[in-house]
């Protein structure tokens, strides 16, 4: 079974099917839930290949705030389908 691990929170979540990270509101803090605010910014420590591709909304927001780290993602824009290790940055 795939596992999402949240380093900062010390929590792991097992799932059977692909899971939208927005469904895990008790671990990740969300604001707008549409890729506009950056509240749900996360850093992918391991398993980036097991997340959906980065969206245009993520690219736009990270460019706007001048974030160049390619491991940064917006949780509201991600779906996991395999093991991933994440860390919240907010």
N, C-alpha and C. Protein backbone atom coordinates (compact mmCIF):
# COMPACT_ATOMS: atom_id res chain seq x y z
N UNK A 1 0.83 -1.17 0.00
CA UNK A 1 0.00 0.00 0.00
C UNK A 1 0.89 1.25 0.00
N UNK A 2 0.63 2.22 -0.88
CA UNK A 2 1.44 3.45 -0.89
C UNK A 2 1.30 4.24 0.41
N UNK A 3 2.36 4.96 0.74
CA UNK A 3 2.38 5.74 1.98
C UNK A 3 2.83 7.16 1.70
N UNK A 4 2.09 8.13 2.25
CA UNK A 4 2.50 9.53 2.27
C UNK A 4 3.10 9.78 3.65
N UNK A 5 4.31 10.31 3.71
CA UNK A 5 4.94 10.62 4.98
C UNK A 5 5.16 12.11 5.06
N UNK A 6 4.72 12.71 6.16
CA UNK A 6 4.88 14.14 6.39
C UNK A 6 5.93 14.32 7.48
N UNK A 7 7.14 14.68 7.08
CA UNK A 7 8.28 14.75 7.97
C UNK A 7 8.04 15.69 9.14
N UNK A 8 7.63 16.91 8.87
CA UNK A 8 7.48 17.92 9.91
C UNK A 8 6.42 17.52 10.94
N UNK A 9 5.34 16.91 10.49
CA UNK A 9 4.26 16.53 11.38
C UNK A 9 4.49 15.16 12.02
N UNK A 10 5.45 14.40 11.49
CA UNK A 10 5.71 13.06 12.01
C UNK A 10 4.56 12.11 11.79
N UNK A 11 3.88 12.25 10.66
CA UNK A 11 2.68 11.47 10.36
C UNK A 11 2.85 10.74 9.04
N UNK A 12 2.33 9.52 8.98
CA UNK A 12 2.26 8.76 7.73
C UNK A 12 0.81 8.40 7.46
N UNK A 13 0.43 8.45 6.19
CA UNK A 13 -0.94 8.13 5.78
C UNK A 13 -0.85 7.05 4.70
N UNK A 14 -1.50 5.91 4.94
CA UNK A 14 -1.56 4.86 3.92
C UNK A 14 -2.81 5.06 3.08
N UNK A 15 -2.72 4.74 1.80
CA UNK A 15 -3.87 4.85 0.92
C UNK A 15 -3.82 3.75 -0.13
N UNK A 16 -4.97 3.40 -0.67
CA UNK A 16 -5.04 2.31 -1.63
C UNK A 16 -5.12 2.81 -3.07
N UNK A 17 -5.83 3.90 -3.29
CA UNK A 17 -5.95 4.48 -4.62
C UNK A 17 -5.26 5.83 -4.62
N UNK A 18 -5.11 6.43 -5.79
CA UNK A 18 -4.55 7.78 -5.85
C UNK A 18 -5.33 8.69 -4.91
N UNK A 19 -4.62 9.61 -4.27
CA UNK A 19 -5.25 10.49 -3.29
C UNK A 19 -4.89 11.94 -3.58
N UNK A 20 -5.91 12.80 -3.58
CA UNK A 20 -5.67 14.24 -3.70
C UNK A 20 -5.16 14.71 -2.35
N UNK A 21 -4.03 15.43 -2.33
CA UNK A 21 -3.48 15.89 -1.06
C UNK A 21 -4.42 16.84 -0.35
N UNK A 22 -5.31 17.47 -1.10
CA UNK A 22 -6.28 18.39 -0.49
C UNK A 22 -7.23 17.65 0.46
N UNK A 23 -7.30 16.33 0.35
CA UNK A 23 -8.14 15.52 1.22
C UNK A 23 -7.55 15.36 2.62
N UNK A 24 -6.31 15.77 2.81
CA UNK A 24 -5.60 15.55 4.07
C UNK A 24 -5.51 16.87 4.84
N UNK A 25 -6.64 17.50 5.05
CA UNK A 25 -6.70 18.82 5.67
C UNK A 25 -6.23 18.85 7.12
N UNK A 26 -6.24 17.74 7.82
CA UNK A 26 -5.84 17.75 9.21
C UNK A 26 -4.32 17.77 9.38
N UNK A 27 -3.57 17.61 8.29
CA UNK A 27 -2.10 17.63 8.35
C UNK A 27 -1.54 18.84 7.62
N UNK A 28 -2.06 19.14 6.45
CA UNK A 28 -1.58 20.26 5.64
C UNK A 28 -2.55 21.42 5.78
N UNK A 29 -2.02 22.62 5.98
CA UNK A 29 -2.88 23.80 6.08
C UNK A 29 -3.21 24.31 4.67
N UNK A 30 -4.49 24.54 4.42
CA UNK A 30 -4.94 25.02 3.12
C UNK A 30 -5.60 26.38 3.27
N UNK A 31 -5.48 27.19 2.22
CA UNK A 31 -6.14 28.49 2.18
C UNK A 31 -7.20 28.48 1.09
N UNK A 32 -6.83 28.96 -0.10
CA UNK A 32 -7.79 29.11 -1.19
C UNK A 32 -8.17 27.78 -1.85
N UNK A 33 -7.32 26.78 -1.77
CA UNK A 33 -7.53 25.45 -2.38
C UNK A 33 -7.60 25.49 -3.90
N UNK A 34 -7.11 26.57 -4.51
CA UNK A 34 -7.15 26.67 -5.97
C UNK A 34 -5.80 27.06 -6.58
N UNK A 35 -4.74 27.04 -5.81
CA UNK A 35 -3.41 27.33 -6.35
C UNK A 35 -3.07 28.80 -6.44
N UNK A 36 -3.78 29.64 -5.70
CA UNK A 36 -3.54 31.08 -5.79
C UNK A 36 -2.81 31.68 -4.59
N UNK A 37 -2.89 31.05 -3.40
CA UNK A 37 -2.37 31.72 -2.20
C UNK A 37 -1.03 31.20 -1.71
N UNK A 38 -0.72 29.94 -1.95
CA UNK A 38 0.55 29.37 -1.49
C UNK A 38 0.55 28.87 -0.07
N UNK A 39 -0.59 28.92 0.62
CA UNK A 39 -0.67 28.46 2.00
C UNK A 39 -0.28 26.99 2.13
N UNK A 40 -0.60 26.19 1.14
CA UNK A 40 -0.37 24.75 1.19
C UNK A 40 0.96 24.33 0.57
N UNK A 41 1.91 25.25 0.48
CA UNK A 41 3.21 24.92 -0.10
C UNK A 41 3.87 23.80 0.68
N UNK A 42 4.40 22.84 -0.05
CA UNK A 42 5.09 21.69 0.54
C UNK A 42 6.40 21.49 -0.20
N UNK A 43 7.32 20.82 0.45
CA UNK A 43 8.59 20.46 -0.18
C UNK A 43 8.58 18.94 -0.33
N UNK A 44 8.86 18.47 -1.54
CA UNK A 44 8.91 17.04 -1.81
C UNK A 44 10.33 16.56 -1.49
N UNK A 45 10.44 15.73 -0.48
CA UNK A 45 11.74 15.20 -0.06
C UNK A 45 12.11 13.98 -0.89
N UNK A 46 11.13 13.15 -1.18
CA UNK A 46 11.36 11.93 -1.94
C UNK A 46 10.05 11.49 -2.60
N UNK A 47 10.13 10.93 -3.79
CA UNK A 47 8.96 10.38 -4.46
C UNK A 47 8.22 11.34 -5.38
N UNK A 48 8.89 12.39 -5.85
CA UNK A 48 8.24 13.35 -6.75
C UNK A 48 7.63 12.67 -7.97
N UNK A 49 8.23 11.57 -8.39
CA UNK A 49 7.71 10.84 -9.56
C UNK A 49 6.35 10.19 -9.27
N UNK A 50 5.96 10.15 -8.00
CA UNK A 50 4.67 9.57 -7.62
C UNK A 50 3.59 10.62 -7.39
N UNK A 51 3.86 11.85 -7.84
CA UNK A 51 2.87 12.93 -7.79
C UNK A 51 2.52 13.33 -9.22
N UNK A 52 1.33 13.89 -9.37
CA UNK A 52 0.96 14.42 -10.69
C UNK A 52 1.93 15.52 -11.07
N UNK A 53 1.97 15.84 -12.36
CA UNK A 53 2.87 16.88 -12.85
C UNK A 53 2.53 18.25 -12.26
N UNK A 54 3.53 19.10 -12.17
CA UNK A 54 3.32 20.46 -11.68
C UNK A 54 2.37 21.19 -12.63
N UNK A 55 1.43 21.92 -12.06
CA UNK A 55 0.41 22.61 -12.86
C UNK A 55 0.88 24.02 -13.24
N UNK A 56 0.18 24.61 -14.19
CA UNK A 56 0.46 25.99 -14.60
C UNK A 56 0.22 26.95 -13.44
N UNK A 57 -0.75 26.65 -12.59
CA UNK A 57 -1.02 27.51 -11.42
C UNK A 57 0.16 27.50 -10.47
N UNK A 58 0.77 26.33 -10.26
CA UNK A 58 1.96 26.25 -9.41
C UNK A 58 3.11 27.04 -10.02
N UNK A 59 3.35 26.82 -11.30
CA UNK A 59 4.43 27.55 -11.98
C UNK A 59 4.23 29.06 -11.86
N UNK A 60 2.99 29.51 -12.06
CA UNK A 60 2.69 30.95 -12.00
C UNK A 60 2.94 31.50 -10.60
N UNK A 61 2.44 30.81 -9.58
CA UNK A 61 2.59 31.30 -8.21
C UNK A 61 4.06 31.30 -7.79
N UNK A 62 4.78 30.21 -8.06
CA UNK A 62 6.18 30.14 -7.65
C UNK A 62 7.03 31.17 -8.40
N UNK A 63 6.69 31.44 -9.64
CA UNK A 63 7.39 32.49 -10.39
C UNK A 63 7.11 33.86 -9.76
N UNK A 64 5.86 34.09 -9.40
CA UNK A 64 5.45 35.36 -8.80
C UNK A 64 6.18 35.62 -7.47
N UNK A 65 6.34 34.58 -6.65
CA UNK A 65 7.01 34.76 -5.36
C UNK A 65 8.51 34.47 -5.44
N UNK A 66 8.98 34.26 -6.65
CA UNK A 66 10.40 34.04 -6.93
C UNK A 66 10.97 32.81 -6.18
N UNK A 67 10.18 31.74 -6.17
CA UNK A 67 10.60 30.47 -5.58
C UNK A 67 11.19 29.61 -6.69
N UNK A 68 12.49 29.30 -6.60
CA UNK A 68 13.17 28.56 -7.66
C UNK A 68 13.41 27.09 -7.33
N UNK A 69 13.07 26.66 -6.13
CA UNK A 69 13.31 25.28 -5.72
C UNK A 69 12.32 24.36 -6.43
N UNK A 70 12.81 23.49 -7.28
CA UNK A 70 11.93 22.62 -8.08
C UNK A 70 11.23 21.57 -7.24
N UNK A 71 11.65 21.38 -5.99
CA UNK A 71 10.98 20.40 -5.13
C UNK A 71 9.76 20.99 -4.41
N UNK A 72 9.51 22.28 -4.61
CA UNK A 72 8.35 22.92 -4.00
C UNK A 72 7.10 22.63 -4.83
N UNK A 73 6.01 22.33 -4.14
CA UNK A 73 4.72 22.07 -4.79
C UNK A 73 3.61 22.72 -3.97
N UNK A 74 2.45 22.84 -4.57
CA UNK A 74 1.25 23.26 -3.86
C UNK A 74 0.42 22.00 -3.64
N UNK A 75 0.16 21.66 -2.39
CA UNK A 75 -0.57 20.43 -2.08
C UNK A 75 -1.94 20.39 -2.72
N UNK A 76 -2.58 21.57 -2.84
CA UNK A 76 -3.92 21.60 -3.43
C UNK A 76 -3.92 21.24 -4.91
N UNK A 77 -2.76 21.21 -5.52
CA UNK A 77 -2.66 20.89 -6.94
C UNK A 77 -2.09 19.49 -7.19
N UNK A 78 -1.84 18.72 -6.12
CA UNK A 78 -1.17 17.42 -6.24
C UNK A 78 -2.10 16.25 -5.96
N UNK A 79 -1.86 15.19 -6.69
CA UNK A 79 -2.48 13.90 -6.42
C UNK A 79 -1.32 12.90 -6.32
N UNK A 80 -1.33 12.09 -5.27
CA UNK A 80 -0.28 11.07 -5.09
C UNK A 80 -0.81 9.72 -5.53
N UNK A 81 0.08 8.94 -6.15
CA UNK A 81 -0.31 7.60 -6.57
C UNK A 81 0.76 6.58 -6.21
N UNK A 82 1.66 6.95 -5.31
CA UNK A 82 2.73 6.06 -4.83
C UNK A 82 3.38 6.70 -3.60
N UNK A 83 4.41 6.06 -3.08
CA UNK A 83 5.10 6.57 -1.89
C UNK A 83 5.70 7.94 -2.12
N UNK A 84 5.45 8.84 -1.16
CA UNK A 84 5.96 10.22 -1.22
C UNK A 84 6.31 10.66 0.19
N UNK A 85 7.44 11.37 0.32
CA UNK A 85 7.84 11.97 1.58
C UNK A 85 7.79 13.48 1.39
N UNK A 86 7.03 14.16 2.26
CA UNK A 86 6.80 15.61 2.14
C UNK A 86 7.15 16.33 3.43
N UNK A 87 7.42 17.62 3.29
CA UNK A 87 7.59 18.48 4.46
C UNK A 87 6.84 19.76 4.20
N UNK A 88 6.05 20.19 5.17
CA UNK A 88 5.38 21.49 5.05
C UNK A 88 6.41 22.58 5.22
N UNK A 89 6.19 23.70 4.55
CA UNK A 89 7.12 24.81 4.68
C UNK A 89 6.50 25.99 5.40
N UNK A 90 5.20 26.00 5.57
CA UNK A 90 4.52 27.11 6.26
C UNK A 90 4.37 26.84 7.73
